[in-house]
Amino acid sequence: MEARNAMKQRAGAWMRANLTTQGYCLADDERRTLAVGLRFSTALCLSLVLVALVLESAATVFALSEIGLIAGFSARHPFDHLWNRGVRHAFGAPELPPNPMRRRHAFKLATAWLLAVGTLFAAGATTAGVVLGGLLVAACGVVTATNLCLPSEALAWWERRTSAKEPVTT
């Protein structure tokens, strides 16, 4: 039992670190109350991308890319508004904070990815579209389940690397 608790604590610390990498600065109590809400937009996107892939629908994928574009350039994902204005009440949860910059950059990458999938579907390359879309679903699933956002990780790595090269001035 003790080993299981220790493993849960390590997993919780890792998922908390993943949120920090995305740019969130949340206390533990905030993180717990926002646990479902912070996953809402990615879970809903994941579901809708799955539907689009099953239907092999370029139009649906392009519509989702428009949502991603808005999410990438605004403080709130369009689905955050659904959460804040309605869904959160069913969970007795607080409103979501604005999305940090790294998370918004990840939405921009997802937008480009969706555009590529939509283009493949529109061009009749459905197998390639489904494969590329399946990889997006996998990435979205990882973010939804664990808060591990690979684009945010890459951006954090890049920021650490470039800031380390800047000379220190006194």
N, C-alpha and C. Protein backbone atom coordinates (compact mmCIF):
# COMPACT_ATOMS: atom_id res chain seq x y z
N MET A 1 0.82 -1.20 0.00
CA MET A 1 0.00 0.00 0.00
C MET A 1 0.87 1.27 0.00
N GLU A 2 1.95 1.21 0.78
CA GLU A 2 2.84 2.35 0.84
C GLU A 2 3.51 2.62 -0.51
N ALA A 3 3.88 1.55 -1.19
CA ALA A 3 4.50 1.68 -2.51
C ALA A 3 3.53 2.30 -3.50
N ARG A 4 2.27 1.90 -3.41
CA ARG A 4 1.25 2.46 -4.31
C ARG A 4 1.06 3.96 -4.04
N ASN A 5 1.03 4.35 -2.78
CA ASN A 5 0.90 5.77 -2.45
C ASN A 5 2.09 6.57 -2.94
N ALA A 6 3.28 6.01 -2.77
CA ALA A 6 4.48 6.69 -3.25
C ALA A 6 4.45 6.85 -4.76
N MET A 7 3.97 5.81 -5.46
CA MET A 7 3.88 5.89 -6.92
C MET A 7 2.85 6.94 -7.34
N LYS A 8 1.73 7.02 -6.63
CA LYS A 8 0.71 8.03 -6.93
C LYS A 8 1.25 9.44 -6.69
N GLN A 9 2.05 9.60 -5.64
CA GLN A 9 2.64 10.90 -5.36
C GLN A 9 3.63 11.30 -6.45
N ARG A 10 4.43 10.35 -6.91
CA ARG A 10 5.38 10.64 -7.99
C ARG A 10 4.64 11.00 -9.28
N ALA A 11 3.58 10.25 -9.57
CA ALA A 11 2.79 10.54 -10.77
C ALA A 11 2.14 11.92 -10.66
N GLY A 12 1.63 12.25 -9.49
CA GLY A 12 1.02 13.57 -9.28
C GLY A 12 2.03 14.69 -9.44
N ALA A 13 3.22 14.48 -8.91
CA ALA A 13 4.28 15.50 -9.04
C ALA A 13 4.68 15.66 -10.51
N TRP A 14 4.76 14.55 -11.23
CA TRP A 14 5.11 14.60 -12.65
C TRP A 14 4.03 15.34 -13.44
N MET A 15 2.75 15.05 -13.18
CA MET A 15 1.67 15.74 -13.90
C MET A 15 1.62 17.22 -13.53
N ARG A 16 1.93 17.55 -12.28
CA ARG A 16 2.00 18.96 -11.86
C ARG A 16 3.13 19.65 -12.60
N ALA A 17 4.27 18.97 -12.73
CA ALA A 17 5.40 19.54 -13.47
C ALA A 17 5.03 19.73 -14.94
N ASN A 18 4.24 18.82 -15.49
CA ASN A 18 3.80 18.96 -16.88
C ASN A 18 2.96 20.22 -17.06
N LEU A 19 2.09 20.51 -16.11
CA LEU A 19 1.30 21.74 -16.18
C LEU A 19 2.19 22.97 -16.07
N THR A 20 3.19 22.89 -15.22
CA THR A 20 4.13 24.01 -15.08
C THR A 20 4.88 24.23 -16.39
N THR A 21 5.26 23.14 -17.06
CA THR A 21 5.94 23.26 -18.34
C THR A 21 5.04 23.93 -19.37
N GLN A 22 3.73 23.68 -19.29
CA GLN A 22 2.81 24.35 -20.21
C GLN A 22 2.71 25.84 -19.92
N GLY A 23 3.17 26.25 -18.74
CA GLY A 23 3.16 27.66 -18.38
C GLY A 23 2.22 28.01 -17.25
N TYR A 24 1.54 27.02 -16.70
CA TYR A 24 0.63 27.29 -15.58
C TYR A 24 1.42 27.44 -14.29
N CYS A 25 0.99 28.38 -13.46
CA CYS A 25 1.56 28.58 -12.13
C CYS A 25 0.41 28.38 -11.14
N LEU A 26 0.18 27.14 -10.77
CA LEU A 26 -0.97 26.80 -9.94
C LEU A 26 -0.52 26.19 -8.62
N ALA A 27 -1.17 26.60 -7.56
CA ALA A 27 -0.97 25.93 -6.27
C ALA A 27 -1.66 24.57 -6.35
N ASP A 28 -1.27 23.67 -5.45
CA ASP A 28 -1.82 22.32 -5.49
C ASP A 28 -3.35 22.30 -5.39
N ASP A 29 -3.91 23.14 -4.53
CA ASP A 29 -5.38 23.15 -4.40
C ASP A 29 -6.04 23.66 -5.68
N GLU A 30 -5.45 24.65 -6.34
CA GLU A 30 -5.97 25.12 -7.62
C GLU A 30 -5.90 24.03 -8.68
N ARG A 31 -4.77 23.35 -8.73
CA ARG A 31 -4.57 22.29 -9.71
C ARG A 31 -5.61 21.19 -9.53
N ARG A 32 -5.89 20.84 -8.27
CA ARG A 32 -6.88 19.79 -8.01
C ARG A 32 -8.28 20.23 -8.45
N THR A 33 -8.65 21.47 -8.15
CA THR A 33 -10.00 21.93 -8.51
C THR A 33 -10.15 22.15 -10.02
N LEU A 34 -9.03 22.35 -10.71
CA LEU A 34 -9.06 22.57 -12.16
C LEU A 34 -8.71 21.31 -12.96
N ALA A 35 -8.52 20.19 -12.29
CA ALA A 35 -8.04 18.97 -12.96
C ALA A 35 -8.90 18.58 -14.16
N VAL A 36 -10.20 18.60 -14.01
CA VAL A 36 -11.09 18.22 -15.11
C VAL A 36 -11.16 19.35 -16.13
N GLY A 37 -11.28 20.56 -15.68
CA GLY A 37 -11.41 21.70 -16.58
C GLY A 37 -10.22 21.90 -17.49
N LEU A 38 -9.01 21.69 -16.97
CA LEU A 38 -7.81 21.86 -17.79
C LEU A 38 -7.70 20.80 -18.87
N ARG A 39 -8.44 19.72 -18.70
CA ARG A 39 -8.43 18.65 -19.70
C ARG A 39 -9.63 18.74 -20.65
N PHE A 40 -10.58 19.60 -20.35
CA PHE A 40 -11.82 19.65 -21.11
C PHE A 40 -11.61 19.96 -22.58
N SER A 41 -10.86 21.03 -22.87
CA SER A 41 -10.70 21.43 -24.28
C SER A 41 -9.95 20.36 -25.08
N THR A 42 -8.91 19.76 -24.49
CA THR A 42 -8.18 18.74 -25.23
C THR A 42 -9.01 17.46 -25.38
N ALA A 43 -9.79 17.13 -24.36
CA ALA A 43 -10.65 15.93 -24.46
C ALA A 43 -11.73 16.11 -25.51
N LEU A 44 -12.32 17.30 -25.56
CA LEU A 44 -13.35 17.56 -26.56
C LEU A 44 -12.75 17.57 -27.97
N CYS A 45 -11.58 18.19 -28.12
CA CYS A 45 -10.89 18.17 -29.41
C CYS A 45 -10.57 16.75 -29.83
N LEU A 46 -10.06 15.97 -28.90
CA LEU A 46 -9.73 14.58 -29.19
C LEU A 46 -10.96 13.85 -29.73
N SER A 47 -12.08 14.02 -29.07
CA SER A 47 -13.32 13.36 -29.51
C SER A 47 -13.74 13.82 -30.90
N LEU A 48 -13.66 15.11 -31.14
CA LEU A 48 -14.08 15.63 -32.43
C LEU A 48 -13.13 15.23 -33.56
N VAL A 49 -11.85 15.18 -33.27
CA VAL A 49 -10.89 14.72 -34.28
C VAL A 49 -11.14 13.25 -34.59
N LEU A 50 -11.42 12.46 -33.57
CA LEU A 50 -11.76 11.05 -33.81
C LEU A 50 -12.96 10.92 -34.74
N VAL A 51 -14.00 11.70 -34.49
CA VAL A 51 -15.19 11.67 -35.35
C VAL A 51 -14.81 12.06 -36.78
N ALA A 52 -14.02 13.11 -36.92
CA ALA A 52 -13.60 13.56 -38.25
C ALA A 52 -12.79 12.49 -38.98
N LEU A 53 -11.95 11.77 -38.23
CA LEU A 53 -11.15 10.72 -38.85
C LEU A 53 -12.02 9.54 -39.28
N VAL A 54 -12.96 9.16 -38.44
CA VAL A 54 -13.85 8.06 -38.78
C VAL A 54 -14.66 8.41 -40.03
N LEU A 55 -15.12 9.66 -40.10
CA LEU A 55 -15.90 10.12 -41.25
C LEU A 55 -15.02 10.46 -42.45
N GLU A 56 -13.71 10.54 -42.22
CA GLU A 56 -12.77 10.98 -43.25
C GLU A 56 -13.23 12.30 -43.86
N SER A 57 -13.58 13.22 -42.98
CA SER A 57 -14.20 14.48 -43.38
C SER A 57 -13.21 15.64 -43.36
N ALA A 58 -12.82 16.08 -44.54
CA ALA A 58 -11.94 17.24 -44.65
C ALA A 58 -12.62 18.48 -44.08
N ALA A 59 -13.91 18.64 -44.33
CA ALA A 59 -14.64 19.82 -43.85
C ALA A 59 -14.61 19.90 -42.33
N THR A 60 -14.82 18.77 -41.66
CA THR A 60 -14.80 18.76 -40.20
C THR A 60 -13.41 19.07 -39.67
N VAL A 61 -12.40 18.50 -40.31
CA VAL A 61 -11.03 18.75 -39.87
C VAL A 61 -10.68 20.23 -40.09
N PHE A 62 -11.08 20.81 -41.20
CA PHE A 62 -10.81 22.23 -41.43
C PHE A 62 -11.56 23.10 -40.42
N ALA A 63 -12.78 22.72 -40.05
CA ALA A 63 -13.52 23.47 -39.03
C ALA A 63 -12.78 23.40 -37.69
N LEU A 64 -12.25 22.23 -37.37
CA LEU A 64 -11.48 22.09 -36.13
C LEU A 64 -10.19 22.91 -36.18
N SER A 65 -9.60 23.03 -37.36
CA SER A 65 -8.38 23.83 -37.47
C SER A 65 -8.70 25.31 -37.22
N GLU A 66 -9.88 25.76 -37.59
CA GLU A 66 -10.28 27.14 -37.28
C GLU A 66 -10.40 27.35 -35.78
N ILE A 67 -10.96 26.35 -35.09
CA ILE A 67 -11.04 26.43 -33.63
C ILE A 67 -9.64 26.48 -33.03
N GLY A 68 -8.74 25.64 -33.56
CA GLY A 68 -7.36 25.63 -33.09
C GLY A 68 -6.66 26.96 -33.33
N LEU A 69 -6.95 27.58 -34.46
CA LEU A 69 -6.34 28.87 -34.77
C LEU A 69 -6.76 29.93 -33.75
N ILE A 70 -8.04 29.94 -33.43
CA ILE A 70 -8.53 30.87 -32.41
C ILE A 70 -7.84 30.59 -31.08
N ALA A 71 -7.74 29.31 -30.72
CA ALA A 71 -7.11 28.92 -29.46
C ALA A 71 -5.64 29.34 -29.41
N GLY A 72 -4.97 29.29 -30.54
CA GLY A 72 -3.56 29.63 -30.59
C GLY A 72 -3.27 31.11 -30.46
N PHE A 73 -4.24 31.94 -30.81
CA PHE A 73 -3.99 33.38 -30.80
C PHE A 73 -4.84 34.15 -29.81
N SER A 74 -5.59 33.46 -28.98
CA SER A 74 -6.36 34.15 -27.95
C SER A 74 -6.06 33.54 -26.58
N ALA A 75 -6.39 34.25 -25.55
CA ALA A 75 -6.07 33.79 -24.20
C ALA A 75 -6.88 32.57 -23.79
N ARG A 76 -7.99 32.35 -24.49
CA ARG A 76 -8.84 31.22 -24.13
C ARG A 76 -9.18 30.40 -25.37
N HIS A 77 -9.11 29.10 -25.21
CA HIS A 77 -9.56 28.17 -26.24
C HIS A 77 -11.08 28.34 -26.34
N PRO A 78 -11.66 28.28 -27.53
CA PRO A 78 -13.12 28.39 -27.63
C PRO A 78 -13.86 27.40 -26.72
N PHE A 79 -13.29 26.22 -26.52
CA PHE A 79 -13.95 25.24 -25.65
C PHE A 79 -13.82 25.62 -24.17
N ASP A 80 -12.84 26.48 -23.83
CA ASP A 80 -12.76 26.99 -22.46
C ASP A 80 -13.99 27.82 -22.14
N HIS A 81 -14.51 28.52 -23.14
CA HIS A 81 -15.73 29.30 -22.92
C HIS A 81 -16.91 28.38 -22.62
N LEU A 82 -16.97 27.23 -23.31
CA LEU A 82 -18.02 26.25 -23.00
C LEU A 82 -17.90 25.79 -21.55
N TRP A 83 -16.68 25.53 -21.13
CA TRP A 83 -16.44 25.10 -19.75
C TRP A 83 -16.84 26.21 -18.78
N ASN A 84 -16.31 27.41 -19.00
CA ASN A 84 -16.52 28.50 -18.05
C ASN A 84 -17.98 28.93 -17.95
N ARG A 85 -18.70 28.88 -19.04
CA ARG A 85 -20.08 29.38 -19.03
C ARG A 85 -21.12 28.31 -18.72
N GLY A 86 -20.72 27.02 -18.80
CA GLY A 86 -21.74 26.01 -18.60
C GLY A 86 -21.29 24.74 -17.91
N VAL A 87 -20.37 24.02 -18.53
CA VAL A 87 -20.02 22.67 -18.09
C VAL A 87 -19.48 22.65 -16.66
N ARG A 88 -18.71 23.64 -16.30
CA ARG A 88 -18.08 23.66 -14.97
C ARG A 88 -19.10 23.60 -13.85
N HIS A 89 -20.29 24.11 -14.10
CA HIS A 89 -21.32 24.12 -13.06
C HIS A 89 -21.75 22.70 -12.69
N ALA A 90 -21.70 21.79 -13.64
CA ALA A 90 -22.05 20.39 -13.37
C ALA A 90 -21.02 19.74 -12.45
N PHE A 91 -19.79 20.26 -12.44
CA PHE A 91 -18.72 19.71 -11.61
C PHE A 91 -18.48 20.55 -10.36
N GLY A 92 -19.17 21.68 -10.25
CA GLY A 92 -18.92 22.59 -9.14
C GLY A 92 -17.50 23.11 -9.17
N ALA A 93 -16.98 23.31 -10.36
CA ALA A 93 -15.58 23.70 -10.54
C ALA A 93 -15.45 25.19 -10.85
N PRO A 94 -14.28 25.75 -10.59
CA PRO A 94 -14.04 27.17 -10.90
C PRO A 94 -13.81 27.38 -12.39
N GLU A 95 -13.80 28.66 -12.78
CA GLU A 95 -13.47 29.01 -14.15
C GLU A 95 -12.00 28.69 -14.42
N LEU A 96 -11.72 28.45 -15.69
CA LEU A 96 -10.34 28.20 -16.10
C LEU A 96 -9.58 29.51 -16.21
N PRO A 97 -8.30 29.50 -15.86
CA PRO A 97 -7.47 30.68 -16.09
C PRO A 97 -7.15 30.79 -17.58
N PRO A 98 -6.67 31.93 -18.02
CA PRO A 98 -6.24 32.05 -19.42
C PRO A 98 -5.14 31.03 -19.73
N ASN A 99 -5.05 30.64 -20.98
CA ASN A 99 -4.02 29.69 -21.40
C ASN A 99 -2.67 30.38 -21.47
N PRO A 100 -1.65 29.75 -20.89
CA PRO A 100 -0.29 30.30 -20.98
C PRO A 100 0.22 30.24 -22.43
N MET A 101 1.24 31.02 -22.70
CA MET A 101 1.77 31.14 -24.06
C MET A 101 2.21 29.79 -24.63
N ARG A 102 2.92 28.98 -23.86
CA ARG A 102 3.38 27.69 -24.40
C ARG A 102 2.20 26.82 -24.83
N ARG A 103 1.15 26.82 -24.05
CA ARG A 103 -0.04 26.03 -24.42
C ARG A 103 -0.65 26.58 -25.71
N ARG A 104 -0.68 27.91 -25.85
CA ARG A 104 -1.21 28.52 -27.07
C ARG A 104 -0.35 28.16 -28.27
N HIS A 105 0.96 28.11 -28.08
CA HIS A 105 1.84 27.71 -29.18
C HIS A 105 1.56 26.25 -29.58
N ALA A 106 1.26 25.42 -28.60
CA ALA A 106 0.91 24.02 -28.91
C ALA A 106 -0.37 23.97 -29.73
N PHE A 107 -1.32 24.84 -29.42
CA PHE A 107 -2.56 24.89 -30.21
C PHE A 107 -2.26 25.31 -31.66
N LYS A 108 -1.28 26.20 -31.84
CA LYS A 108 -0.90 26.61 -33.19
C LYS A 108 -0.31 25.43 -33.96
N LEU A 109 0.50 24.64 -33.29
CA LEU A 109 1.06 23.46 -33.93
C LEU A 109 -0.05 22.47 -34.29
N ALA A 110 -0.99 22.27 -33.38
CA ALA A 110 -2.12 21.38 -33.66
C ALA A 110 -2.94 21.90 -34.84
N THR A 111 -3.05 23.20 -34.97
CA THR A 111 -3.77 23.79 -36.09
C THR A 111 -3.09 23.43 -37.41
N ALA A 112 -1.77 23.57 -37.46
CA ALA A 112 -1.04 23.20 -38.67
C ALA A 112 -1.20 21.71 -38.97
N TRP A 113 -1.18 20.92 -37.94
CA TRP A 113 -1.34 19.47 -38.08
C TRP A 113 -2.73 19.15 -38.65
N LEU A 114 -3.75 19.81 -38.10
CA LEU A 114 -5.11 19.62 -38.61
C LEU A 114 -5.23 20.06 -40.07
N LEU A 115 -4.60 21.16 -40.42
CA LEU A 115 -4.63 21.62 -41.81
C LEU A 115 -3.99 20.59 -42.74
N ALA A 116 -2.92 19.96 -42.27
CA ALA A 116 -2.27 18.92 -43.07
C ALA A 116 -3.21 17.72 -43.24
N VAL A 117 -3.87 17.31 -42.17
CA VAL A 117 -4.80 16.18 -42.25
C VAL A 117 -5.97 16.52 -43.18
N GLY A 118 -6.53 17.71 -43.02
CA GLY A 118 -7.63 18.13 -43.88
C GLY A 118 -7.22 18.18 -45.34
N THR A 119 -6.03 18.66 -45.61
CA THR A 119 -5.52 18.72 -46.98
C THR A 119 -5.36 17.33 -47.56
N LEU A 120 -4.84 16.41 -46.76
CA LEU A 120 -4.70 15.03 -47.22
C LEU A 120 -6.07 14.42 -47.54
N PHE A 121 -7.04 14.64 -46.69
CA PHE A 121 -8.39 14.13 -46.96
C PHE A 121 -8.95 14.76 -48.24
N ALA A 122 -8.80 16.08 -48.37
CA ALA A 122 -9.33 16.78 -49.54
C ALA A 122 -8.66 16.30 -50.83
N ALA A 123 -7.39 15.90 -50.74
CA ALA A 123 -6.65 15.44 -51.91
C ALA A 123 -6.90 13.96 -52.21
N GLY A 124 -7.68 13.31 -51.37
CA GLY A 124 -7.98 11.90 -51.58
C GLY A 124 -6.98 10.95 -50.97
N ALA A 125 -6.01 11.47 -50.23
CA ALA A 125 -5.00 10.64 -49.57
C ALA A 125 -5.50 10.28 -48.18
N THR A 126 -6.60 9.52 -48.14
CA THR A 126 -7.26 9.25 -46.87
C THR A 126 -6.41 8.41 -45.91
N THR A 127 -5.68 7.45 -46.44
CA THR A 127 -4.86 6.63 -45.55
C THR A 127 -3.81 7.49 -44.84
N ALA A 128 -3.13 8.33 -45.59
CA ALA A 128 -2.14 9.22 -44.99
C ALA A 128 -2.82 10.18 -44.00
N GLY A 129 -4.00 10.67 -44.35
CA GLY A 129 -4.74 11.56 -43.46
C GLY A 129 -5.13 10.88 -42.16
N VAL A 130 -5.57 9.64 -42.27
CA VAL A 130 -5.95 8.89 -41.07
C VAL A 130 -4.73 8.61 -40.20
N VAL A 131 -3.61 8.26 -40.82
CA VAL A 131 -2.39 7.99 -40.06
C VAL A 131 -1.92 9.25 -39.35
N LEU A 132 -1.83 10.35 -40.09
CA LEU A 132 -1.39 11.61 -39.49
C LEU A 132 -2.38 12.07 -38.42
N GLY A 133 -3.66 11.92 -38.70
CA GLY A 133 -4.68 12.27 -37.71
C GLY A 133 -4.62 11.37 -36.49
N GLY A 134 -4.31 10.10 -36.70
CA GLY A 134 -4.16 9.19 -35.57
C GLY A 134 -3.02 9.58 -34.65
N LEU A 135 -1.94 10.07 -35.23
CA LEU A 135 -0.82 10.56 -34.42
C LEU A 135 -1.24 11.79 -33.60
N LEU A 136 -2.05 12.65 -34.20
CA LEU A 136 -2.57 13.80 -33.47
C LEU A 136 -3.47 13.35 -32.33
N VAL A 137 -4.32 12.37 -32.58
CA VAL A 137 -5.18 11.83 -31.53
C VAL A 137 -4.34 11.27 -30.38
N ALA A 138 -3.27 10.58 -30.73
CA ALA A 138 -2.38 10.02 -29.69
C ALA A 138 -1.76 11.14 -28.86
N ALA A 139 -1.27 12.18 -29.52
CA ALA A 139 -0.67 13.30 -28.80
C ALA A 139 -1.70 14.00 -27.92
N CYS A 140 -2.88 14.18 -28.46
CA CYS A 140 -3.96 14.82 -27.70
C CYS A 140 -4.39 13.95 -26.52
N GLY A 141 -4.38 12.64 -26.73
CA GLY A 141 -4.72 11.73 -25.65
C GLY A 141 -3.72 11.79 -24.51
N VAL A 142 -2.44 11.91 -24.85
CA VAL A 142 -1.40 12.02 -23.83
C VAL A 142 -1.58 13.31 -23.02
N VAL A 143 -1.84 14.41 -23.70
CA VAL A 143 -2.05 15.68 -22.99
C VAL A 143 -3.27 15.57 -22.08
N THR A 144 -4.34 15.00 -22.60
CA THR A 144 -5.57 14.90 -21.82
C THR A 144 -5.38 14.02 -20.59
N ALA A 145 -4.68 12.91 -20.75
CA ALA A 145 -4.53 11.97 -19.63
C ALA A 145 -3.47 12.38 -18.62
N THR A 146 -2.39 13.00 -19.10
CA THR A 146 -1.23 13.21 -18.22
C THR A 146 -0.74 14.65 -18.13
N ASN A 147 -1.32 15.55 -18.90
CA ASN A 147 -0.87 16.95 -18.99
C ASN A 147 0.49 17.08 -19.69
N LEU A 148 1.01 15.98 -20.24
CA LEU A 148 2.29 16.04 -20.94
C LEU A 148 2.06 16.56 -22.35
N CYS A 149 2.50 17.78 -22.58
CA CYS A 149 2.34 18.43 -23.88
C CYS A 149 3.73 18.51 -24.52
N LEU A 150 3.94 17.68 -25.52
CA LEU A 150 5.27 17.62 -26.14
C LEU A 150 5.71 18.95 -26.76
N PRO A 151 4.82 19.69 -27.45
CA PRO A 151 5.27 21.00 -27.93
C PRO A 151 5.69 21.94 -26.80
N SER A 152 4.96 21.92 -25.68
CA SER A 152 5.36 22.74 -24.54
C SER A 152 6.70 22.31 -23.98
N GLU A 153 6.93 21.00 -23.94
CA GLU A 153 8.23 20.48 -23.50
C GLU A 153 9.33 20.97 -24.42
N ALA A 154 9.09 20.91 -25.72
CA ALA A 154 10.10 21.35 -26.69
C ALA A 154 10.36 22.85 -26.55
N LEU A 155 9.32 23.63 -26.38
CA LEU A 155 9.50 25.08 -26.21
C LEU A 155 10.25 25.40 -24.92
N ALA A 156 9.92 24.69 -23.85
CA ALA A 156 10.63 24.92 -22.58
C ALA A 156 12.11 24.58 -22.73
N TRP A 157 12.38 23.46 -23.41
CA TRP A 157 13.77 23.08 -23.66
C TRP A 157 14.48 24.17 -24.46
N TRP A 158 13.81 24.66 -25.50
CA TRP A 158 14.41 25.70 -26.35
C TRP A 158 14.67 26.97 -25.54
N GLU A 159 13.72 27.36 -24.72
CA GLU A 159 13.90 28.56 -23.89
C GLU A 159 15.08 28.39 -22.94
N ARG A 160 15.20 27.21 -22.32
CA ARG A 160 16.33 26.97 -21.41
C ARG A 160 17.65 27.03 -22.18
N ARG A 161 17.65 26.45 -23.36
CA ARG A 161 18.87 26.40 -24.17
C ARG A 161 19.28 27.80 -24.62
N THR A 162 18.34 28.58 -25.11
CA THR A 162 18.69 29.91 -25.62
C THR A 162 18.97 30.90 -24.50
N SER A 163 18.30 30.78 -23.38
CA SER A 163 18.56 31.72 -22.29
C SER A 163 19.91 31.42 -21.63
N ALA A 164 20.36 30.18 -21.68
CA ALA A 164 21.66 29.82 -21.12
C ALA A 164 22.81 30.41 -21.91
N LYS A 165 22.56 30.69 -23.20
CA LYS A 165 23.62 31.23 -24.07
C LYS A 165 23.77 32.75 -23.95
N GLU A 166 22.76 33.40 -23.38
CA GLU A 166 22.83 34.85 -23.27
C GLU A 166 23.84 35.22 -22.19
N PRO A 167 24.70 36.20 -22.51
CA PRO A 167 25.71 36.60 -21.51
C PRO A 167 25.04 37.31 -20.33
N VAL A 168 25.59 37.10 -19.17
CA VAL A 168 25.10 37.74 -17.96
C VAL A 168 25.76 39.10 -17.87
N THR A 169 24.95 40.15 -17.71
CA THR A 169 25.51 41.51 -17.56
C THR A 169 25.32 41.97 -16.14
N THR A 170 26.27 42.74 -15.67
CA THR A 170 26.19 43.25 -14.30
C THR A 170 26.10 44.73 -14.27
